[in-house]
Amino acid sequence: MKMPVGASLIAELLDRHGAALELYASQWTHSPEDAVQEAFVELARQTEVPQHLVAWLYRVVRHRAINAVRASSRRLRHEQEAARLGDERRQQAMGKADKLSLPEALDALPASDREIVVLRIWSGLTWQQIAAVSQISSSSAQRQYVAALEQLRKFLEPSCLPNLVCRRD
């Protein structure tokens, strides 16, 4: 008869092998604790104790650590691609002779500026609320908002002079 996985078994395994499992996982990932934790969560989900339990734990920790590295690498590639596309959009927006639409102009703003504009205009949040969401001071949020509006004005009306006196054709 197979034995079910119980809390006392998990606690004993964690005490006995936890540090070694973390050391093992650290070969692949900068967050070995997560790989070990995920392995123990998976063990807790088992209906019966796997054969060669300690070897099973090492195998699962290894897979979790390698998967974490892969996910981190994928996330980094996606973030770099998004940054590259955002830079391209901003450069295109700056170079366009025609007016941009509002969504295009918003998209051309840096993400932090866009967030503050959306929070202020469309969400109606106060400066204190925006500061709490963005984790900056309320005065910084207000300064960033004013600068973002200035940038939006330039995107939306490229014929405007730096002092915002616009030429009417």
N, C-alpha and C. Protein backbone atom coordinates (compact mmCIF):
# COMPACT_ATOMS: atom_id res chain seq x y z
N MET A 1 0.84 -1.18 0.00
CA MET A 1 0.00 0.00 0.00
C MET A 1 0.88 1.24 0.00
N LYS A 2 0.57 2.17 -0.87
CA LYS A 2 1.33 3.42 -0.97
C LYS A 2 0.89 4.38 0.13
N MET A 3 1.85 5.17 0.57
CA MET A 3 1.60 6.12 1.65
C MET A 3 1.24 7.49 1.07
N PRO A 4 0.21 8.19 1.60
CA PRO A 4 -0.10 9.53 1.11
C PRO A 4 0.95 10.54 1.59
N VAL A 5 1.02 11.65 0.89
CA VAL A 5 1.96 12.70 1.26
C VAL A 5 1.31 13.52 2.37
N GLY A 6 2.01 13.61 3.49
CA GLY A 6 1.47 14.35 4.63
C GLY A 6 2.35 15.52 5.01
N ALA A 7 1.80 16.39 5.83
CA ALA A 7 2.52 17.59 6.27
C ALA A 7 3.78 17.24 7.05
N SER A 8 3.72 16.20 7.85
CA SER A 8 4.90 15.83 8.65
C SER A 8 6.03 15.34 7.74
N LEU A 9 5.70 14.60 6.69
CA LEU A 9 6.71 14.14 5.74
C LEU A 9 7.34 15.34 5.02
N ILE A 10 6.52 16.28 4.59
CA ILE A 10 7.02 17.46 3.89
C ILE A 10 7.92 18.27 4.82
N ALA A 11 7.51 18.45 6.06
CA ALA A 11 8.31 19.21 7.02
C ALA A 11 9.66 18.52 7.25
N GLU A 12 9.62 17.21 7.39
CA GLU A 12 10.86 16.46 7.61
C GLU A 12 11.80 16.57 6.40
N LEU A 13 11.24 16.43 5.21
CA LEU A 13 12.05 16.55 3.99
C LEU A 13 12.63 17.95 3.83
N LEU A 14 11.84 18.94 4.14
CA LEU A 14 12.30 20.32 4.04
C LEU A 14 13.44 20.58 5.03
N ASP A 15 13.29 20.10 6.24
CA ASP A 15 14.36 20.26 7.24
C ASP A 15 15.63 19.54 6.81
N ARG A 16 15.47 18.34 6.32
CA ARG A 16 16.62 17.50 6.00
C ARG A 16 17.29 17.88 4.67
N HIS A 17 16.49 18.27 3.66
CA HIS A 17 17.05 18.47 2.31
C HIS A 17 16.87 19.88 1.75
N GLY A 18 16.16 20.75 2.43
CA GLY A 18 15.85 22.07 1.90
C GLY A 18 17.07 22.88 1.48
N ALA A 19 18.08 22.96 2.36
CA ALA A 19 19.27 23.76 2.05
C ALA A 19 20.03 23.18 0.86
N ALA A 20 20.15 21.87 0.82
CA ALA A 20 20.86 21.23 -0.30
C ALA A 20 20.10 21.41 -1.61
N LEU A 21 18.77 21.35 -1.55
CA LEU A 21 17.97 21.56 -2.75
C LEU A 21 18.13 23.00 -3.26
N GLU A 22 18.18 23.97 -2.34
CA GLU A 22 18.40 25.36 -2.75
C GLU A 22 19.77 25.52 -3.39
N LEU A 23 20.77 24.92 -2.81
CA LEU A 23 22.12 24.99 -3.37
C LEU A 23 22.12 24.36 -4.77
N TYR A 24 21.45 23.25 -4.92
CA TYR A 24 21.36 22.57 -6.21
C TYR A 24 20.67 23.47 -7.24
N ALA A 25 19.56 24.10 -6.87
CA ALA A 25 18.80 24.95 -7.78
C ALA A 25 19.57 26.21 -8.14
N SER A 26 20.44 26.67 -7.27
CA SER A 26 21.17 27.91 -7.52
C SER A 26 22.14 27.80 -8.69
N GLN A 27 22.36 26.59 -9.18
CA GLN A 27 23.19 26.41 -10.38
C GLN A 27 22.52 27.03 -11.60
N TRP A 28 21.19 27.10 -11.59
CA TRP A 28 20.45 27.56 -12.76
C TRP A 28 19.75 28.89 -12.57
N THR A 29 19.34 29.18 -11.36
CA THR A 29 18.48 30.35 -11.15
C THR A 29 18.98 31.22 -10.01
N HIS A 30 18.58 32.49 -10.07
CA HIS A 30 18.91 33.43 -9.00
C HIS A 30 17.87 33.39 -7.89
N SER A 31 16.83 32.61 -8.07
CA SER A 31 15.80 32.47 -7.03
C SER A 31 15.58 30.98 -6.73
N PRO A 32 16.59 30.34 -6.17
CA PRO A 32 16.47 28.90 -5.92
C PRO A 32 15.37 28.56 -4.91
N GLU A 33 15.08 29.50 -4.00
CA GLU A 33 14.03 29.24 -3.00
C GLU A 33 12.69 28.99 -3.68
N ASP A 34 12.44 29.73 -4.77
CA ASP A 34 11.18 29.55 -5.49
C ASP A 34 11.08 28.17 -6.10
N ALA A 35 12.18 27.70 -6.68
CA ALA A 35 12.18 26.38 -7.30
C ALA A 35 11.93 25.30 -6.25
N VAL A 36 12.55 25.45 -5.09
CA VAL A 36 12.36 24.47 -4.01
C VAL A 36 10.92 24.53 -3.50
N GLN A 37 10.42 25.73 -3.31
CA GLN A 37 9.04 25.87 -2.83
C GLN A 37 8.07 25.23 -3.81
N GLU A 38 8.24 25.49 -5.10
CA GLU A 38 7.35 24.91 -6.10
C GLU A 38 7.44 23.38 -6.11
N ALA A 39 8.62 22.84 -5.87
CA ALA A 39 8.78 21.39 -5.82
C ALA A 39 8.00 20.82 -4.63
N PHE A 40 8.08 21.48 -3.49
CA PHE A 40 7.35 20.99 -2.32
C PHE A 40 5.84 21.16 -2.48
N VAL A 41 5.41 22.20 -3.17
CA VAL A 41 3.99 22.36 -3.47
C VAL A 41 3.52 21.22 -4.37
N GLU A 42 4.35 20.90 -5.36
CA GLU A 42 4.00 19.79 -6.24
C GLU A 42 3.96 18.47 -5.46
N LEU A 43 4.88 18.28 -4.54
CA LEU A 43 4.88 17.08 -3.70
C LEU A 43 3.60 17.01 -2.88
N ALA A 44 3.17 18.14 -2.34
CA ALA A 44 1.95 18.16 -1.53
C ALA A 44 0.72 17.79 -2.36
N ARG A 45 0.76 18.03 -3.64
CA ARG A 45 -0.36 17.71 -4.53
C ARG A 45 -0.41 16.22 -4.91
N GLN A 46 0.67 15.52 -4.66
CA GLN A 46 0.72 14.10 -5.04
C GLN A 46 -0.23 13.30 -4.15
N THR A 47 -0.90 12.33 -4.73
CA THR A 47 -1.83 11.50 -3.96
C THR A 47 -1.09 10.41 -3.19
N GLU A 48 0.10 10.08 -3.66
CA GLU A 48 0.93 9.11 -2.94
C GLU A 48 2.39 9.53 -3.07
N VAL A 49 3.20 9.05 -2.13
CA VAL A 49 4.61 9.40 -2.11
C VAL A 49 5.30 8.82 -3.34
N PRO A 50 5.99 9.67 -4.11
CA PRO A 50 6.70 9.15 -5.29
C PRO A 50 7.80 8.16 -4.88
N GLN A 51 8.05 7.23 -5.78
CA GLN A 51 9.14 6.28 -5.56
C GLN A 51 10.45 7.07 -5.64
N HIS A 52 11.44 6.71 -4.83
CA HIS A 52 12.73 7.42 -4.78
C HIS A 52 12.48 8.91 -4.53
N LEU A 53 11.86 9.19 -3.40
CA LEU A 53 11.35 10.52 -3.08
C LEU A 53 12.40 11.63 -3.17
N VAL A 54 13.58 11.44 -2.62
CA VAL A 54 14.59 12.48 -2.61
C VAL A 54 15.07 12.75 -4.05
N ALA A 55 15.25 11.70 -4.83
CA ALA A 55 15.65 11.88 -6.23
C ALA A 55 14.53 12.60 -6.99
N TRP A 56 13.30 12.27 -6.69
CA TRP A 56 12.16 12.94 -7.31
C TRP A 56 12.20 14.43 -7.00
N LEU A 57 12.45 14.78 -5.75
CA LEU A 57 12.53 16.19 -5.36
C LEU A 57 13.63 16.92 -6.14
N TYR A 58 14.80 16.31 -6.24
CA TYR A 58 15.90 16.94 -6.98
C TYR A 58 15.53 17.15 -8.45
N ARG A 59 14.86 16.17 -9.03
CA ARG A 59 14.47 16.28 -10.43
C ARG A 59 13.48 17.43 -10.61
N VAL A 60 12.49 17.51 -9.73
CA VAL A 60 11.48 18.57 -9.84
C VAL A 60 12.11 19.94 -9.59
N VAL A 61 13.01 20.03 -8.61
CA VAL A 61 13.69 21.30 -8.35
C VAL A 61 14.50 21.72 -9.57
N ARG A 62 15.19 20.77 -10.18
CA ARG A 62 15.98 21.08 -11.38
C ARG A 62 15.09 21.61 -12.49
N HIS A 63 13.95 20.95 -12.74
CA HIS A 63 13.03 21.39 -13.79
C HIS A 63 12.47 22.77 -13.48
N ARG A 64 12.09 22.99 -12.23
CA ARG A 64 11.54 24.31 -11.85
C ARG A 64 12.59 25.40 -12.02
N ALA A 65 13.82 25.14 -11.64
CA ALA A 65 14.88 26.14 -11.76
C ALA A 65 15.16 26.46 -13.22
N ILE A 66 15.23 25.44 -14.05
CA ILE A 66 15.48 25.66 -15.48
C ILE A 66 14.31 26.40 -16.12
N ASN A 67 13.09 26.05 -15.74
CA ASN A 67 11.91 26.75 -16.26
C ASN A 67 11.91 28.21 -15.84
N ALA A 68 12.35 28.49 -14.63
CA ALA A 68 12.41 29.87 -14.15
C ALA A 68 13.38 30.69 -14.99
N VAL A 69 14.52 30.09 -15.33
CA VAL A 69 15.50 30.79 -16.17
C VAL A 69 14.92 31.04 -17.56
N ARG A 70 14.26 30.05 -18.11
CA ARG A 70 13.64 30.20 -19.43
C ARG A 70 12.59 31.31 -19.41
N ALA A 71 11.75 31.30 -18.38
CA ALA A 71 10.70 32.33 -18.27
C ALA A 71 11.32 33.71 -18.12
N SER A 72 12.35 33.81 -17.33
CA SER A 72 13.02 35.09 -17.13
C SER A 72 13.64 35.58 -18.44
N SER A 73 14.23 34.67 -19.17
CA SER A 73 14.84 35.01 -20.46
C SER A 73 13.78 35.46 -21.46
N ARG A 74 12.65 34.75 -21.50
CA ARG A 74 11.55 35.13 -22.38
C ARG A 74 11.01 36.51 -22.01
N ARG A 75 10.82 36.72 -20.70
CA ARG A 75 10.30 37.99 -20.23
C ARG A 75 11.24 39.13 -20.61
N LEU A 76 12.54 38.92 -20.46
CA LEU A 76 13.53 39.93 -20.83
C LEU A 76 13.46 40.24 -22.32
N ARG A 77 13.35 39.20 -23.15
CA ARG A 77 13.23 39.42 -24.61
C ARG A 77 11.98 40.22 -24.94
N HIS A 78 10.86 39.87 -24.30
CA HIS A 78 9.61 40.58 -24.56
C HIS A 78 9.72 42.04 -24.12
N GLU A 79 10.33 42.28 -22.97
CA GLU A 79 10.49 43.65 -22.48
C GLU A 79 11.39 44.46 -23.40
N GLN A 80 12.46 43.83 -23.87
CA GLN A 80 13.37 44.53 -24.79
C GLN A 80 12.66 44.85 -26.10
N GLU A 81 11.87 43.91 -26.60
CA GLU A 81 11.13 44.13 -27.84
C GLU A 81 10.10 45.24 -27.65
N ALA A 82 9.41 45.23 -26.52
CA ALA A 82 8.42 46.27 -26.25
C ALA A 82 9.10 47.63 -26.15
N ALA A 83 10.25 47.69 -25.50
CA ALA A 83 10.99 48.96 -25.41
C ALA A 83 11.43 49.43 -26.78
N ARG A 84 11.90 48.50 -27.61
CA ARG A 84 12.34 48.85 -28.96
C ARG A 84 11.17 49.38 -29.78
N LEU A 85 10.03 48.71 -29.70
CA LEU A 85 8.85 49.16 -30.44
C LEU A 85 8.36 50.52 -29.92
N GLY A 86 8.41 50.71 -28.61
CA GLY A 86 8.02 51.99 -28.04
C GLY A 86 8.93 53.11 -28.51
N ASP A 87 10.24 52.83 -28.56
CA ASP A 87 11.19 53.82 -29.07
C ASP A 87 10.91 54.14 -30.52
N GLU A 88 10.63 53.11 -31.32
CA GLU A 88 10.33 53.33 -32.73
C GLU A 88 9.07 54.18 -32.88
N ARG A 89 8.03 53.88 -32.09
CA ARG A 89 6.80 54.66 -32.17
C ARG A 89 7.03 56.12 -31.79
N ARG A 90 7.84 56.33 -30.74
CA ARG A 90 8.14 57.71 -30.33
C ARG A 90 8.91 58.44 -31.42
N GLN A 91 9.88 57.75 -32.03
CA GLN A 91 10.66 58.38 -33.09
C GLN A 91 9.78 58.68 -34.30
N GLN A 92 8.89 57.75 -34.64
CA GLN A 92 7.97 57.98 -35.76
C GLN A 92 7.04 59.15 -35.45
N ALA A 93 6.57 59.20 -34.22
CA ALA A 93 5.65 60.26 -33.83
C ALA A 93 6.34 61.62 -33.90
N MET A 94 7.57 61.68 -33.49
CA MET A 94 8.32 62.93 -33.51
C MET A 94 8.57 63.38 -34.95
N GLY A 95 8.68 62.43 -35.88
CA GLY A 95 9.01 62.76 -37.25
C GLY A 95 7.81 62.99 -38.15
N LYS A 96 6.62 62.70 -37.68
CA LYS A 96 5.44 62.85 -38.53
C LYS A 96 5.11 64.33 -38.73
N ALA A 97 4.75 64.66 -39.95
CA ALA A 97 4.38 66.04 -40.24
C ALA A 97 2.90 66.25 -39.94
N ASP A 98 2.09 65.22 -40.09
CA ASP A 98 0.66 65.33 -39.83
C ASP A 98 0.40 65.14 -38.35
N LYS A 99 -0.78 65.57 -37.95
CA LYS A 99 -1.18 65.38 -36.56
C LYS A 99 -1.34 63.88 -36.28
N LEU A 100 -1.05 63.52 -35.05
CA LEU A 100 -1.29 62.15 -34.60
C LEU A 100 -2.69 62.09 -34.01
N SER A 101 -3.23 60.90 -33.97
CA SER A 101 -4.48 60.71 -33.24
C SER A 101 -4.11 60.64 -31.75
N LEU A 102 -5.09 60.83 -30.91
CA LEU A 102 -4.83 60.79 -29.47
C LEU A 102 -4.25 59.44 -29.03
N PRO A 103 -4.81 58.31 -29.48
CA PRO A 103 -4.21 57.02 -29.08
C PRO A 103 -2.76 56.89 -29.52
N GLU A 104 -2.45 57.37 -30.72
CA GLU A 104 -1.07 57.32 -31.19
C GLU A 104 -0.17 58.21 -30.35
N ALA A 105 -0.67 59.39 -30.02
CA ALA A 105 0.12 60.32 -29.21
C ALA A 105 0.34 59.76 -27.82
N LEU A 106 -0.68 59.18 -27.23
CA LEU A 106 -0.52 58.56 -25.91
C LEU A 106 0.47 57.40 -25.97
N ASP A 107 0.37 56.62 -27.04
CA ASP A 107 1.26 55.48 -27.20
C ASP A 107 2.71 55.92 -27.37
N ALA A 108 2.91 57.13 -27.89
CA ALA A 108 4.25 57.64 -28.11
C ALA A 108 4.90 58.14 -26.82
N LEU A 109 4.10 58.36 -25.79
CA LEU A 109 4.66 58.81 -24.51
C LEU A 109 5.38 57.66 -23.81
N PRO A 110 6.37 57.97 -22.97
CA PRO A 110 6.95 56.93 -22.12
C PRO A 110 5.85 56.34 -21.22
N ALA A 111 5.98 55.09 -20.86
CA ALA A 111 4.95 54.38 -20.10
C ALA A 111 4.57 55.10 -18.80
N SER A 112 5.55 55.61 -18.07
CA SER A 112 5.24 56.27 -16.79
C SER A 112 4.43 57.54 -17.01
N ASP A 113 4.75 58.31 -18.06
CA ASP A 113 3.99 59.53 -18.37
C ASP A 113 2.57 59.18 -18.80
N ARG A 114 2.45 58.17 -19.66
CA ARG A 114 1.14 57.73 -20.14
C ARG A 114 0.27 57.30 -18.97
N GLU A 115 0.87 56.57 -18.03
CA GLU A 115 0.12 56.10 -16.86
C GLU A 115 -0.45 57.28 -16.08
N ILE A 116 0.37 58.30 -15.84
CA ILE A 116 -0.08 59.45 -15.06
C ILE A 116 -1.18 60.21 -15.78
N VAL A 117 -1.05 60.39 -17.08
CA VAL A 117 -2.08 61.10 -17.85
C VAL A 117 -3.39 60.34 -17.79
N VAL A 118 -3.34 59.03 -17.99
CA VAL A 118 -4.56 58.23 -17.94
C VAL A 118 -5.18 58.24 -16.55
N LEU A 119 -4.35 58.13 -15.52
CA LEU A 119 -4.87 58.15 -14.15
C LEU A 119 -5.53 59.48 -13.82
N ARG A 120 -4.95 60.56 -14.30
CA ARG A 120 -5.48 61.88 -13.98
C ARG A 120 -6.73 62.21 -14.81
N ILE A 121 -6.64 62.05 -16.12
CA ILE A 121 -7.73 62.48 -17.00
C ILE A 121 -8.87 61.48 -17.03
N TRP A 122 -8.60 60.22 -17.32
CA TRP A 122 -9.66 59.25 -17.50
C TRP A 122 -10.11 58.59 -16.21
N SER A 123 -9.21 58.47 -15.24
CA SER A 123 -9.61 57.85 -13.97
C SER A 123 -10.02 58.88 -12.94
N GLY A 124 -9.61 60.13 -13.14
CA GLY A 124 -10.01 61.20 -12.23
C GLY A 124 -9.37 61.11 -10.86
N LEU A 125 -8.22 60.48 -10.76
CA LEU A 125 -7.57 60.36 -9.46
C LEU A 125 -6.93 61.68 -9.04
N THR A 126 -6.81 61.87 -7.73
CA THR A 126 -6.13 63.05 -7.20
C THR A 126 -4.63 62.85 -7.30
N TRP A 127 -3.88 63.92 -7.08
CA TRP A 127 -2.42 63.81 -7.14
C TRP A 127 -1.91 62.84 -6.08
N GLN A 128 -2.53 62.85 -4.90
CA GLN A 128 -2.11 61.93 -3.84
C GLN A 128 -2.38 60.48 -4.24
N GLN A 129 -3.51 60.24 -4.88
CA GLN A 129 -3.84 58.87 -5.31
C GLN A 129 -2.90 58.42 -6.43
N ILE A 130 -2.62 59.33 -7.35
CA ILE A 130 -1.69 59.00 -8.44
C ILE A 130 -0.31 58.71 -7.86
N ALA A 131 0.11 59.51 -6.88
CA ALA A 131 1.41 59.29 -6.24
C ALA A 131 1.47 57.91 -5.59
N ALA A 132 0.38 57.52 -4.95
CA ALA A 132 0.36 56.20 -4.29
C ALA A 132 0.43 55.07 -5.33
N VAL A 133 -0.30 55.21 -6.43
CA VAL A 133 -0.30 54.18 -7.46
C VAL A 133 1.07 54.09 -8.13
N SER A 134 1.65 55.25 -8.46
CA SER A 134 2.91 55.29 -9.21
C SER A 134 4.14 55.21 -8.33
N GLN A 135 3.94 55.26 -7.03
CA GLN A 135 5.03 55.20 -6.05
C GLN A 135 6.03 56.33 -6.24
N ILE A 136 5.48 57.54 -6.41
CA ILE A 136 6.28 58.76 -6.50
C ILE A 136 5.59 59.81 -5.64
N SER A 137 6.22 60.96 -5.45
CA SER A 137 5.57 62.02 -4.67
C SER A 137 4.48 62.67 -5.51
N SER A 138 3.53 63.32 -4.83
CA SER A 138 2.45 63.97 -5.56
C SER A 138 2.98 65.13 -6.40
N SER A 139 4.01 65.83 -5.91
CA SER A 139 4.57 66.92 -6.71
C SER A 139 5.26 66.38 -7.96
N SER A 140 5.93 65.23 -7.83
CA SER A 140 6.56 64.61 -9.01
C SER A 140 5.49 64.16 -10.01
N ALA A 141 4.40 63.63 -9.50
CA ALA A 141 3.31 63.20 -10.38
C ALA A 141 2.76 64.40 -11.15
N GLN A 142 2.60 65.52 -10.46
CA GLN A 142 2.06 66.71 -11.11
C GLN A 142 3.04 67.26 -12.15
N ARG A 143 4.33 67.30 -11.82
CA ARG A 143 5.34 67.78 -12.77
C ARG A 143 5.39 66.87 -14.00
N GLN A 144 5.35 65.57 -13.77
CA GLN A 144 5.40 64.61 -14.87
C GLN A 144 4.15 64.75 -15.75
N TYR A 145 3.01 65.00 -15.13
CA TYR A 145 1.76 65.19 -15.85
C TYR A 145 1.84 66.42 -16.76
N VAL A 146 2.33 67.53 -16.22
CA VAL A 146 2.44 68.76 -17.01
C VAL A 146 3.40 68.54 -18.18
N ALA A 147 4.53 67.88 -17.94
CA ALA A 147 5.49 67.61 -19.01
C ALA A 147 4.87 66.68 -20.06
N ALA A 148 4.09 65.70 -19.62
CA ALA A 148 3.45 64.77 -20.55
C ALA A 148 2.41 65.49 -21.40
N LEU A 149 1.65 66.40 -20.80
CA LEU A 149 0.68 67.18 -21.57
C LEU A 149 1.39 68.04 -22.61
N GLU A 150 2.50 68.62 -22.24
CA GLU A 150 3.29 69.41 -23.18
C GLU A 150 3.74 68.54 -24.36
N GLN A 151 4.20 67.34 -24.05
CA GLN A 151 4.62 66.42 -25.11
C GLN A 151 3.45 66.01 -25.98
N LEU A 152 2.30 65.74 -25.37
CA LEU A 152 1.10 65.39 -26.14
C LEU A 152 0.72 66.53 -27.07
N ARG A 153 0.79 67.74 -26.56
CA ARG A 153 0.45 68.91 -27.37
C ARG A 153 1.36 68.97 -28.60
N LYS A 154 2.63 68.67 -28.40
CA LYS A 154 3.57 68.68 -29.54
C LYS A 154 3.24 67.57 -30.54
N PHE A 155 2.87 66.41 -30.02
CA PHE A 155 2.51 65.30 -30.91
C PHE A 155 1.24 65.60 -31.69
N LEU A 156 0.28 66.22 -31.01
CA LEU A 156 -1.03 66.43 -31.62
C LEU A 156 -1.06 67.65 -32.54
N GLU A 157 -0.20 68.64 -32.27
CA GLU A 157 -0.16 69.84 -33.10
C GLU A 157 1.29 70.15 -33.44
N PRO A 158 1.84 69.43 -34.41
CA PRO A 158 3.25 69.62 -34.73
C PRO A 158 3.58 71.00 -35.27
N SER A 159 2.60 71.78 -35.69
CA SER A 159 2.89 73.12 -36.21
C SER A 159 3.03 74.13 -35.07
N CYS A 160 2.80 73.71 -33.82
CA CYS A 160 2.92 74.63 -32.70
C CYS A 160 4.38 74.93 -32.43
N LEU A 161 4.64 76.18 -32.10
CA LEU A 161 5.99 76.59 -31.72
C LEU A 161 6.27 76.14 -30.30
N PRO A 162 7.54 76.19 -29.87
CA PRO A 162 7.87 75.76 -28.51
C PRO A 162 7.06 76.49 -27.43
N ASN A 163 6.68 77.75 -27.66
CA ASN A 163 5.89 78.45 -26.64
C ASN A 163 4.40 78.21 -26.82
N LEU A 164 4.04 77.26 -27.67
CA LEU A 164 2.68 76.80 -27.91
C LEU A 164 1.80 77.82 -28.61
N VAL A 165 2.38 78.75 -29.32
CA VAL A 165 1.61 79.61 -30.18
C VAL A 165 1.51 78.87 -31.50
N CYS A 166 0.32 78.51 -31.90
CA CYS A 166 0.15 77.67 -33.08
C CYS A 166 -0.12 78.50 -34.31
N ARG A 167 0.45 78.05 -35.41
CA ARG A 167 0.19 78.70 -36.70
C ARG A 167 -1.10 78.13 -37.26
N ARG A 168 -1.92 78.95 -37.77
CA ARG A 168 -3.16 78.49 -38.40
C ARG A 168 -3.00 78.64 -39.90
N ASP A 169 -3.07 77.54 -40.62
CA ASP A 169 -2.91 77.58 -42.08
C ASP A 169 -4.22 77.77 -42.77
